Amino acid sequence: MNTNPLIEGRKADSARRRQRVIKAINAARRVGMTISVSGIARQAGVDRAFLYRHKDLLAQVHAASAEPPGEDTGPLVSRSSLQADLANALDRSNRLAARVRHLESKLSEVLGEQAWRESGLGAPDDMEQLKSRITALEQQVVDLTGQLEERDQELQAARAANRQLISRLNTVRSAEA
């Protein structure tokens, strides 16, 4: 048999690495360790690319990471940590329920306003335009009132001057007669 010694050496190295990966997966399962591609590659002393090149090994890593921890590993969490998790979950649930109530209230308000406007009973959408128009008209009323007062004063002055002229004319005519 005439085989290339380099190829044979490469195959033997690959087989040794495969064995280390399988041992690392089994050891991680036994101790209940979190199983990941990076963790297994580090423990086996191989590159992650080795696992990605060997699909069967990658599938074993993924399958092992999906399995629940073994029965023989003992309790992984304490009672107090579970109680703390439960308290945190209840707190979060209460916060989310309050947020939902707030959002429902806001949605109800917005939908109510929309229905009020669409029914024709509500205020028109252009309230700001109307308010600015009212302000402009009020200013115009003030200006026109000022002009009217000036004209009234001018009219009174003209009437007074007219009375004086008529009174002089009447005085001159009565003196001539």
N, C-alpha and C. Protein backbone atom coordinates (compact mmCIF):
# COMPACT_ATOMS: atom_id res chain seq x y z
N MET A 1 0.84 -1.16 0.00
CA MET A 1 0.00 0.00 0.00
C MET A 1 0.90 1.23 0.00
N ASN A 2 0.73 2.04 -1.00
CA ASN A 2 1.59 3.20 -1.20
C ASN A 2 0.78 4.47 -0.93
N THR A 3 0.68 4.86 0.33
CA THR A 3 -0.08 6.06 0.67
C THR A 3 0.89 7.15 1.09
N ASN A 4 0.44 8.33 0.97
CA ASN A 4 1.26 9.49 1.31
C ASN A 4 1.28 9.64 2.83
N PRO A 5 2.46 9.70 3.43
CA PRO A 5 2.54 9.82 4.89
C PRO A 5 1.95 11.14 5.41
N LEU A 6 1.98 12.19 4.62
CA LEU A 6 1.40 13.46 5.06
C LEU A 6 -0.12 13.35 5.19
N ILE A 7 -0.72 12.68 4.24
CA ILE A 7 -2.18 12.51 4.28
C ILE A 7 -2.54 11.65 5.49
N GLU A 8 -1.78 10.58 5.71
CA GLU A 8 -2.04 9.71 6.84
C GLU A 8 -1.87 10.47 8.16
N GLY A 9 -0.86 11.29 8.26
CA GLY A 9 -0.63 12.09 9.48
C GLY A 9 -1.77 13.08 9.70
N ARG A 10 -2.23 13.68 8.63
CA ARG A 10 -3.34 14.64 8.74
C ARG A 10 -4.61 13.94 9.21
N LYS A 11 -4.87 12.75 8.68
CA LYS A 11 -6.06 11.98 9.09
C LYS A 11 -5.96 11.60 10.56
N ALA A 12 -4.79 11.19 11.01
CA ALA A 12 -4.60 10.81 12.41
C ALA A 12 -4.81 12.02 13.32
N ASP A 13 -4.29 13.19 12.93
CA ASP A 13 -4.47 14.41 13.72
C ASP A 13 -5.95 14.79 13.80
N SER A 14 -6.63 14.67 12.70
CA SER A 14 -8.06 14.98 12.67
C SER A 14 -8.83 14.02 13.57
N ALA A 15 -8.47 12.75 13.56
CA ALA A 15 -9.15 11.76 14.41
C ALA A 15 -8.89 12.07 15.88
N ARG A 16 -7.64 12.45 16.24
CA ARG A 16 -7.34 12.81 17.63
C ARG A 16 -8.16 14.02 18.07
N ARG A 17 -8.26 15.02 17.20
CA ARG A 17 -9.04 16.21 17.54
C ARG A 17 -10.52 15.87 17.69
N ARG A 18 -11.02 15.00 16.82
CA ARG A 18 -12.43 14.58 16.92
C ARG A 18 -12.68 13.92 18.27
N GLN A 19 -11.74 13.06 18.70
CA GLN A 19 -11.88 12.38 19.98
C GLN A 19 -11.88 13.39 21.13
N ARG A 20 -11.02 14.41 21.05
CA ARG A 20 -10.99 15.43 22.11
C ARG A 20 -12.31 16.20 22.17
N VAL A 21 -12.89 16.49 21.00
CA VAL A 21 -14.17 17.22 20.96
C VAL A 21 -15.27 16.35 21.59
N ILE A 22 -15.31 15.06 21.24
CA ILE A 22 -16.34 14.17 21.78
C ILE A 22 -16.18 14.05 23.30
N LYS A 23 -14.93 13.93 23.78
CA LYS A 23 -14.68 13.87 25.23
C LYS A 23 -15.13 15.16 25.91
N ALA A 24 -14.87 16.31 25.26
CA ALA A 24 -15.26 17.60 25.84
C ALA A 24 -16.78 17.71 25.93
N ILE A 25 -17.49 17.25 24.91
CA ILE A 25 -18.95 17.28 24.93
C ILE A 25 -19.48 16.40 26.06
N ASN A 26 -18.95 15.17 26.16
CA ASN A 26 -19.39 14.25 27.22
C ASN A 26 -19.08 14.81 28.62
N ALA A 27 -17.90 15.40 28.78
CA ALA A 27 -17.53 15.96 30.09
C ALA A 27 -18.46 17.13 30.44
N ALA A 28 -18.77 17.97 29.48
CA ALA A 28 -19.66 19.11 29.72
C ALA A 28 -21.05 18.62 30.10
N ARG A 29 -21.51 17.55 29.47
CA ARG A 29 -22.83 16.98 29.80
C ARG A 29 -22.81 16.45 31.24
N ARG A 30 -21.74 15.77 31.60
CA ARG A 30 -21.66 15.16 32.93
C ARG A 30 -21.71 16.20 34.04
N VAL A 31 -21.00 17.29 33.87
CA VAL A 31 -20.93 18.29 34.95
C VAL A 31 -22.05 19.32 34.85
N GLY A 32 -22.86 19.25 33.81
CA GLY A 32 -23.99 20.18 33.66
C GLY A 32 -23.54 21.57 33.24
N MET A 33 -22.43 21.64 32.56
CA MET A 33 -21.89 22.90 32.08
C MET A 33 -22.72 23.43 30.91
N THR A 34 -22.75 24.75 30.74
CA THR A 34 -23.40 25.32 29.56
C THR A 34 -22.57 24.96 28.35
N ILE A 35 -23.23 24.43 27.34
CA ILE A 35 -22.52 23.93 26.17
C ILE A 35 -22.70 24.91 25.02
N SER A 36 -21.56 25.32 24.47
CA SER A 36 -21.56 26.20 23.30
C SER A 36 -20.41 25.79 22.39
N VAL A 37 -20.47 26.23 21.14
CA VAL A 37 -19.41 25.88 20.18
C VAL A 37 -18.07 26.40 20.69
N SER A 38 -18.04 27.65 21.14
CA SER A 38 -16.78 28.24 21.61
C SER A 38 -16.25 27.51 22.83
N GLY A 39 -17.15 27.20 23.78
CA GLY A 39 -16.73 26.52 25.00
C GLY A 39 -16.16 25.14 24.72
N ILE A 40 -16.82 24.38 23.88
CA ILE A 40 -16.34 23.02 23.55
C ILE A 40 -15.02 23.11 22.80
N ALA A 41 -14.91 24.06 21.85
CA ALA A 41 -13.66 24.20 21.08
C ALA A 41 -12.51 24.55 22.02
N ARG A 42 -12.76 25.45 22.97
CA ARG A 42 -11.72 25.83 23.92
C ARG A 42 -11.31 24.65 24.79
N GLN A 43 -12.31 23.90 25.29
CA GLN A 43 -12.03 22.77 26.17
C GLN A 43 -11.29 21.66 25.43
N ALA A 44 -11.62 21.47 24.15
CA ALA A 44 -10.97 20.40 23.38
C ALA A 44 -9.64 20.84 22.79
N GLY A 45 -9.36 22.14 22.85
CA GLY A 45 -8.10 22.63 22.29
C GLY A 45 -8.10 22.65 20.78
N VAL A 46 -9.27 22.90 20.19
CA VAL A 46 -9.36 22.99 18.73
C VAL A 46 -9.92 24.35 18.35
N ASP A 47 -9.80 24.66 17.10
CA ASP A 47 -10.34 25.90 16.58
C ASP A 47 -11.84 25.73 16.31
N ARG A 48 -12.60 26.81 16.44
CA ARG A 48 -14.04 26.71 16.16
C ARG A 48 -14.28 26.30 14.70
N ALA A 49 -13.40 26.74 13.83
CA ALA A 49 -13.54 26.39 12.42
C ALA A 49 -13.51 24.88 12.23
N PHE A 50 -12.76 24.15 13.09
CA PHE A 50 -12.72 22.69 13.01
C PHE A 50 -14.13 22.12 13.21
N LEU A 51 -14.85 22.69 14.20
CA LEU A 51 -16.21 22.21 14.45
C LEU A 51 -17.14 22.55 13.28
N TYR A 52 -16.96 23.72 12.71
CA TYR A 52 -17.83 24.10 11.59
C TYR A 52 -17.51 23.30 10.33
N ARG A 53 -16.27 22.81 10.19
CA ARG A 53 -15.92 21.97 9.04
C ARG A 53 -16.46 20.55 9.20
N HIS A 54 -16.64 20.10 10.44
CA HIS A 54 -17.14 18.76 10.70
C HIS A 54 -18.57 18.87 11.19
N LYS A 55 -19.49 18.78 10.27
CA LYS A 55 -20.91 19.01 10.56
C LYS A 55 -21.46 18.03 11.59
N ASP A 56 -20.96 16.81 11.61
CA ASP A 56 -21.47 15.85 12.58
C ASP A 56 -21.09 16.26 14.00
N LEU A 57 -19.88 16.78 14.19
CA LEU A 57 -19.48 17.26 15.51
C LEU A 57 -20.28 18.51 15.91
N LEU A 58 -20.50 19.39 14.95
CA LEU A 58 -21.28 20.60 15.20
C LEU A 58 -22.71 20.24 15.61
N ALA A 59 -23.27 19.23 14.94
CA ALA A 59 -24.62 18.79 15.28
C ALA A 59 -24.65 18.21 16.70
N GLN A 60 -23.60 17.49 17.10
CA GLN A 60 -23.54 16.95 18.46
C GLN A 60 -23.47 18.08 19.49
N VAL A 61 -22.71 19.11 19.19
CA VAL A 61 -22.60 20.26 20.11
C VAL A 61 -23.96 20.92 20.25
N HIS A 62 -24.64 21.16 19.13
CA HIS A 62 -25.96 21.81 19.17
C HIS A 62 -26.99 20.94 19.90
N ALA A 63 -26.93 19.63 19.67
CA ALA A 63 -27.87 18.74 20.34
C ALA A 63 -27.60 18.73 21.85
N ALA A 64 -26.34 18.72 22.23
CA ALA A 64 -26.00 18.71 23.66
C ALA A 64 -26.39 20.04 24.32
N SER A 65 -26.26 21.14 23.58
CA SER A 65 -26.63 22.43 24.17
C SER A 65 -28.14 22.57 24.32
N ALA A 66 -28.91 21.82 23.52
CA ALA A 66 -30.36 21.88 23.60
C ALA A 66 -30.91 20.97 24.71
N GLU A 67 -30.12 20.01 25.16
CA GLU A 67 -30.57 19.09 26.20
C GLU A 67 -30.62 19.77 27.56
N PRO A 68 -31.60 19.43 28.38
CA PRO A 68 -31.60 19.97 29.74
C PRO A 68 -30.46 19.34 30.52
N PRO A 69 -29.99 19.99 31.58
CA PRO A 69 -28.89 19.41 32.35
C PRO A 69 -29.30 18.05 32.93
N GLY A 70 -28.30 17.18 33.10
CA GLY A 70 -28.57 15.82 33.59
C GLY A 70 -29.10 15.80 35.01
N GLU A 71 -29.75 14.69 35.35
CA GLU A 71 -30.34 14.53 36.69
C GLU A 71 -29.26 14.45 37.77
N ASP A 72 -28.09 13.94 37.42
CA ASP A 72 -27.07 13.69 38.42
C ASP A 72 -26.25 14.93 38.77
N THR A 73 -26.58 16.06 38.17
CA THR A 73 -25.78 17.26 38.44
C THR A 73 -26.20 17.95 39.72
N GLY A 74 -27.34 17.62 40.28
CA GLY A 74 -27.80 18.25 41.51
C GLY A 74 -28.49 19.57 41.20
N PRO A 75 -28.91 20.23 42.26
CA PRO A 75 -29.61 21.50 42.03
C PRO A 75 -28.65 22.56 41.48
N LEU A 76 -29.08 23.22 40.41
CA LEU A 76 -28.24 24.25 39.80
C LEU A 76 -28.54 25.62 40.38
N VAL A 77 -29.70 25.74 41.05
CA VAL A 77 -30.07 27.03 41.62
C VAL A 77 -30.53 26.83 43.04
N SER A 78 -30.43 27.88 43.82
CA SER A 78 -30.88 27.77 45.21
C SER A 78 -32.31 28.27 45.33
N ARG A 79 -32.91 27.96 46.44
CA ARG A 79 -34.29 28.39 46.70
C ARG A 79 -34.38 29.91 46.73
N SER A 80 -33.40 30.56 47.34
CA SER A 80 -33.43 32.02 47.44
C SER A 80 -33.28 32.68 46.07
N SER A 81 -32.48 32.07 45.19
CA SER A 81 -32.35 32.65 43.85
C SER A 81 -33.64 32.48 43.06
N LEU A 82 -34.32 31.35 43.27
CA LEU A 82 -35.62 31.16 42.61
C LEU A 82 -36.65 32.16 43.14
N GLN A 83 -36.61 32.42 44.46
CA GLN A 83 -37.54 33.40 45.03
C GLN A 83 -37.23 34.80 44.52
N ALA A 84 -35.96 35.11 44.38
CA ALA A 84 -35.58 36.42 43.83
C ALA A 84 -36.04 36.55 42.38
N ASP A 85 -35.86 35.46 41.61
CA ASP A 85 -36.34 35.47 40.23
C ASP A 85 -37.84 35.65 40.16
N LEU A 86 -38.56 34.97 41.05
CA LEU A 86 -40.01 35.09 41.09
C LEU A 86 -40.43 36.51 41.45
N ALA A 87 -39.77 37.11 42.44
CA ALA A 87 -40.08 38.49 42.84
C ALA A 87 -39.82 39.45 41.68
N ASN A 88 -38.70 39.25 40.99
CA ASN A 88 -38.38 40.09 39.84
C ASN A 88 -39.41 39.92 38.73
N ALA A 89 -39.82 38.68 38.50
CA ALA A 89 -40.82 38.42 37.46
C ALA A 89 -42.16 39.07 37.82
N LEU A 90 -42.55 38.99 39.10
CA LEU A 90 -43.80 39.62 39.54
C LEU A 90 -43.71 41.14 39.39
N ASP A 91 -42.58 41.69 39.77
CA ASP A 91 -42.37 43.13 39.63
C ASP A 91 -42.49 43.57 38.17
N ARG A 92 -41.83 42.81 37.32
CA ARG A 92 -41.86 43.12 35.88
C ARG A 92 -43.28 42.98 35.36
N SER A 93 -43.98 41.96 35.81
CA SER A 93 -45.37 41.75 35.39
C SER A 93 -46.24 42.93 35.82
N ASN A 94 -46.04 43.41 37.05
CA ASN A 94 -46.80 44.56 37.53
C ASN A 94 -46.49 45.81 36.72
N ARG A 95 -45.19 46.02 36.42
CA ARG A 95 -44.82 47.19 35.61
C ARG A 95 -45.44 47.11 34.23
N LEU A 96 -45.39 45.92 33.63
CA LEU A 96 -45.97 45.76 32.29
C LEU A 96 -47.48 45.95 32.32
N ALA A 97 -48.14 45.46 33.37
CA ALA A 97 -49.59 45.63 33.48
C ALA A 97 -49.93 47.12 33.61
N ALA A 98 -49.15 47.85 34.39
CA ALA A 98 -49.38 49.30 34.53
C ALA A 98 -49.15 50.00 33.21
N ARG A 99 -48.13 49.59 32.49
CA ARG A 99 -47.84 50.19 31.17
C ARG A 99 -48.97 49.90 30.20
N VAL A 100 -49.49 48.69 30.22
CA VAL A 100 -50.61 48.32 29.35
C VAL A 100 -51.83 49.18 29.68
N ARG A 101 -52.12 49.34 30.98
CA ARG A 101 -53.26 50.19 31.38
C ARG A 101 -53.08 51.62 30.89
N HIS A 102 -51.85 52.14 31.03
CA HIS A 102 -51.57 53.50 30.57
C HIS A 102 -51.78 53.61 29.06
N LEU A 103 -51.25 52.65 28.31
CA LEU A 103 -51.38 52.68 26.86
C LEU A 103 -52.83 52.51 26.43
N GLU A 104 -53.59 51.66 27.13
CA GLU A 104 -55.01 51.49 26.81
C GLU A 104 -55.76 52.79 27.06
N SER A 105 -55.44 53.46 28.15
CA SER A 105 -56.08 54.74 28.46
C SER A 105 -55.77 55.78 27.40
N LYS A 106 -54.50 55.85 27.00
CA LYS A 106 -54.09 56.80 25.97
C LYS A 106 -54.78 56.48 24.64
N LEU A 107 -54.84 55.20 24.28
CA LEU A 107 -55.50 54.80 23.05
C LEU A 107 -56.97 55.15 23.10
N SER A 108 -57.61 54.90 24.23
CA SER A 108 -59.02 55.23 24.39
C SER A 108 -59.24 56.73 24.21
N GLU A 109 -58.37 57.53 24.79
CA GLU A 109 -58.48 58.98 24.68
C GLU A 109 -58.35 59.43 23.23
N VAL A 110 -57.34 58.90 22.54
CA VAL A 110 -57.10 59.28 21.15
C VAL A 110 -58.27 58.85 20.26
N LEU A 111 -58.73 57.62 20.46
CA LEU A 111 -59.86 57.14 19.65
C LEU A 111 -61.13 57.93 19.96
N GLY A 112 -61.31 58.30 21.23
CA GLY A 112 -62.47 59.11 21.60
C GLY A 112 -62.44 60.47 20.93
N GLU A 113 -61.28 61.12 20.94
CA GLU A 113 -61.14 62.41 20.28
C GLU A 113 -61.39 62.30 18.79
N GLN A 114 -60.86 61.24 18.19
CA GLN A 114 -61.05 61.03 16.76
C GLN A 114 -62.53 60.83 16.44
N ALA A 115 -63.22 60.02 17.22
CA ALA A 115 -64.65 59.79 17.00
C ALA A 115 -65.43 61.08 17.21
N TRP A 116 -65.04 61.87 18.22
CA TRP A 116 -65.70 63.14 18.51
C TRP A 116 -65.57 64.10 17.31
N ARG A 117 -64.36 64.18 16.73
CA ARG A 117 -64.15 65.06 15.58
C ARG A 117 -64.91 64.56 14.36
N GLU A 118 -64.85 63.25 14.12
CA GLU A 118 -65.50 62.69 12.93
C GLU A 118 -67.01 62.79 13.01
N SER A 119 -67.57 62.83 14.21
CA SER A 119 -69.02 62.93 14.35
C SER A 119 -69.52 64.35 14.08
N GLY A 120 -68.60 65.32 14.06
CA GLY A 120 -69.00 66.70 13.82
C GLY A 120 -69.33 67.43 15.10
N LEU A 121 -69.31 66.75 16.21
CA LEU A 121 -69.64 67.37 17.49
C LEU A 121 -68.43 68.04 18.12
N GLY A 122 -67.28 67.61 17.75
CA GLY A 122 -66.06 68.10 18.39
C GLY A 122 -65.58 69.39 17.76
N ALA A 123 -64.56 69.94 18.36
CA ALA A 123 -63.95 71.16 17.85
C ALA A 123 -63.27 70.87 16.52
N PRO A 124 -63.27 71.83 15.62
CA PRO A 124 -62.60 71.61 14.33
C PRO A 124 -61.10 71.42 14.52
N ASP A 125 -60.50 70.79 13.53
CA ASP A 125 -59.07 70.50 13.60
C ASP A 125 -58.23 71.76 13.55
N ASP A 126 -58.78 72.83 12.95
CA ASP A 126 -57.98 74.02 12.75
C ASP A 126 -58.20 75.04 13.86
N MET A 127 -58.22 74.59 15.11
CA MET A 127 -58.43 75.47 16.25
C MET A 127 -57.34 76.54 16.32
N GLU A 128 -56.13 76.19 16.04
CA GLU A 128 -55.04 77.15 16.10
C GLU A 128 -55.24 78.25 15.06
N GLN A 129 -55.69 77.88 13.87
CA GLN A 129 -55.95 78.88 12.84
C GLN A 129 -57.06 79.81 13.30
N LEU A 130 -58.10 79.24 13.89
CA LEU A 130 -59.20 80.06 14.37
C LEU A 130 -58.75 80.99 15.49
N LYS A 131 -57.93 80.50 16.40
CA LYS A 131 -57.44 81.33 17.49
C LYS A 131 -56.59 82.47 16.96
N SER A 132 -55.72 82.19 16.00
CA SER A 132 -54.90 83.26 15.43
C SER A 132 -55.76 84.25 14.66
N ARG A 133 -56.80 83.79 14.01
CA ARG A 133 -57.74 84.69 13.29
C ARG A 133 -58.48 85.58 14.28
N ILE A 134 -58.89 85.01 15.41
CA ILE A 134 -59.57 85.80 16.45
C ILE A 134 -58.63 86.88 16.97
N THR A 135 -57.38 86.52 17.22
CA THR A 135 -56.40 87.50 17.71
C THR A 135 -56.21 88.62 16.70
N ALA A 136 -56.10 88.28 15.42
CA ALA A 136 -55.92 89.28 14.37
C ALA A 136 -57.14 90.19 14.30
N LEU A 137 -58.33 89.60 14.40
CA LEU A 137 -59.55 90.41 14.34
C LEU A 137 -59.68 91.32 15.56
N GLU A 138 -59.30 90.83 16.74
CA GLU A 138 -59.33 91.67 17.93
C GLU A 138 -58.38 92.85 17.78
N GLN A 139 -57.20 92.61 17.21
CA GLN A 139 -56.25 93.70 16.97
C GLN A 139 -56.82 94.70 15.98
N GLN A 140 -57.48 94.20 14.96
CA GLN A 140 -58.10 95.07 13.96
C GLN A 140 -59.21 95.92 14.61
N VAL A 141 -59.98 95.35 15.52
CA VAL A 141 -61.02 96.09 16.24
C VAL A 141 -60.39 97.21 17.06
N VAL A 142 -59.28 96.92 17.74
CA VAL A 142 -58.59 97.93 18.54
C VAL A 142 -58.11 99.08 17.64
N ASP A 143 -57.50 98.72 16.49
CA ASP A 143 -57.01 99.74 15.55
C ASP A 143 -58.16 100.60 15.03
N LEU A 144 -59.24 99.95 14.62
CA LEU A 144 -60.38 100.69 14.07
C LEU A 144 -61.04 101.56 15.15
N THR A 145 -61.09 101.09 16.37
CA THR A 145 -61.65 101.88 17.47
C THR A 145 -60.80 103.14 17.68
N GLY A 146 -59.49 102.99 17.62
CA GLY A 146 -58.59 104.14 17.75
C GLY A 146 -58.81 105.14 16.63
N GLN A 147 -58.94 104.65 15.39
CA GLN A 147 -59.19 105.54 14.24
C GLN A 147 -60.53 106.25 14.40
N LEU A 148 -61.53 105.54 14.88
CA LEU A 148 -62.86 106.12 15.06
C LEU A 148 -62.83 107.24 16.11
N GLU A 149 -62.09 107.01 17.20
CA GLU A 149 -61.98 108.04 18.22
C GLU A 149 -61.28 109.28 17.67
N GLU A 150 -60.22 109.09 16.86
CA GLU A 150 -59.53 110.23 16.24
C GLU A 150 -60.48 111.01 15.34
N ARG A 151 -61.26 110.31 14.57
CA ARG A 151 -62.21 110.99 13.65
C ARG A 151 -63.31 111.70 14.43
N ASP A 152 -63.74 111.08 15.53
CA ASP A 152 -64.75 111.74 16.37
C ASP A 152 -64.19 113.05 16.91
N GLN A 153 -62.93 113.04 17.35
CA GLN A 153 -62.31 114.25 17.87
C GLN A 153 -62.17 115.30 16.77
N GLU A 154 -61.77 114.86 15.57
CA GLU A 154 -61.65 115.79 14.44
C GLU A 154 -63.02 116.36 14.09
N LEU A 155 -64.07 115.52 14.12
CA LEU A 155 -65.42 115.98 13.81
C LEU A 155 -65.89 116.99 14.85
N GLN A 156 -65.60 116.74 16.11
CA GLN A 156 -66.00 117.68 17.16
C GLN A 156 -65.26 119.01 16.99
N ALA A 157 -63.97 118.95 16.64
CA ALA A 157 -63.20 120.17 16.42
C ALA A 157 -63.76 120.94 15.22
N ALA A 158 -64.11 120.19 14.15
CA ALA A 158 -64.67 120.84 12.96
C ALA A 158 -66.02 121.47 13.28
N ARG A 159 -66.85 120.82 14.07
CA ARG A 159 -68.16 121.38 14.45
C ARG A 159 -67.96 122.65 15.30
N ALA A 160 -66.99 122.60 16.23
CA ALA A 160 -66.73 123.77 17.07
C ALA A 160 -66.26 124.94 16.21
N ALA A 161 -65.38 124.66 15.25
CA ALA A 161 -64.90 125.71 14.35
C ALA A 161 -66.05 126.23 13.50
N ASN A 162 -66.91 125.39 13.06
CA ASN A 162 -68.08 125.76 12.25
C ASN A 162 -69.00 126.66 13.07
N ARG A 163 -69.23 126.30 14.31
CA ARG A 163 -70.10 127.11 15.17
C ARG A 163 -69.52 128.51 15.36
N GLN A 164 -68.21 128.55 15.57
CA GLN A 164 -67.58 129.86 15.74
C GLN A 164 -67.71 130.72 14.48
N LEU A 165 -67.49 130.09 13.31
CA LEU A 165 -67.61 130.83 12.05
C LEU A 165 -69.03 131.32 11.84
N ILE A 166 -70.01 130.49 12.09
CA ILE A 166 -71.41 130.88 11.91
C ILE A 166 -71.75 131.98 12.91
N SER A 167 -71.27 131.85 14.09
CA SER A 167 -71.54 132.86 15.11
C SER A 167 -70.91 134.19 14.69
N ARG A 168 -69.71 134.24 14.11
CA ARG A 168 -69.08 135.46 13.62
C ARG A 168 -69.86 136.04 12.45
N LEU A 169 -70.26 135.13 11.56
CA LEU A 169 -71.04 135.60 10.41
C LEU A 169 -72.34 136.25 10.88
N ASN A 170 -72.98 135.62 11.81
CA ASN A 170 -74.24 136.17 12.31
C ASN A 170 -73.98 137.51 13.02
N THR A 171 -72.88 137.63 13.71
CA THR A 171 -72.56 138.87 14.40
C THR A 171 -72.27 139.99 13.38
N VAL A 172 -71.55 139.68 12.31
CA VAL A 172 -71.22 140.66 11.29
C VAL A 172 -72.51 141.08 10.57
N ARG A 173 -73.41 140.25 10.26
CA ARG A 173 -74.65 140.55 9.55
C ARG A 173 -75.58 141.37 10.44
N SER A 174 -75.62 141.03 11.70
CA SER A 174 -76.49 141.81 12.57
C SER A 174 -75.92 143.20 12.79
N ALA A 175 -74.59 143.39 12.72
CA ALA A 175 -73.98 144.68 12.87
C ALA A 175 -74.24 145.52 11.60
N GLU A 176 -74.34 144.94 10.42
CA GLU A 176 -74.56 145.62 9.18
C GLU A 176 -76.05 145.96 9.03
N ALA A 177 -76.84 145.29 9.60
CA ALA A 177 -78.25 145.57 9.39
C ALA A 177 -78.79 146.62 10.24
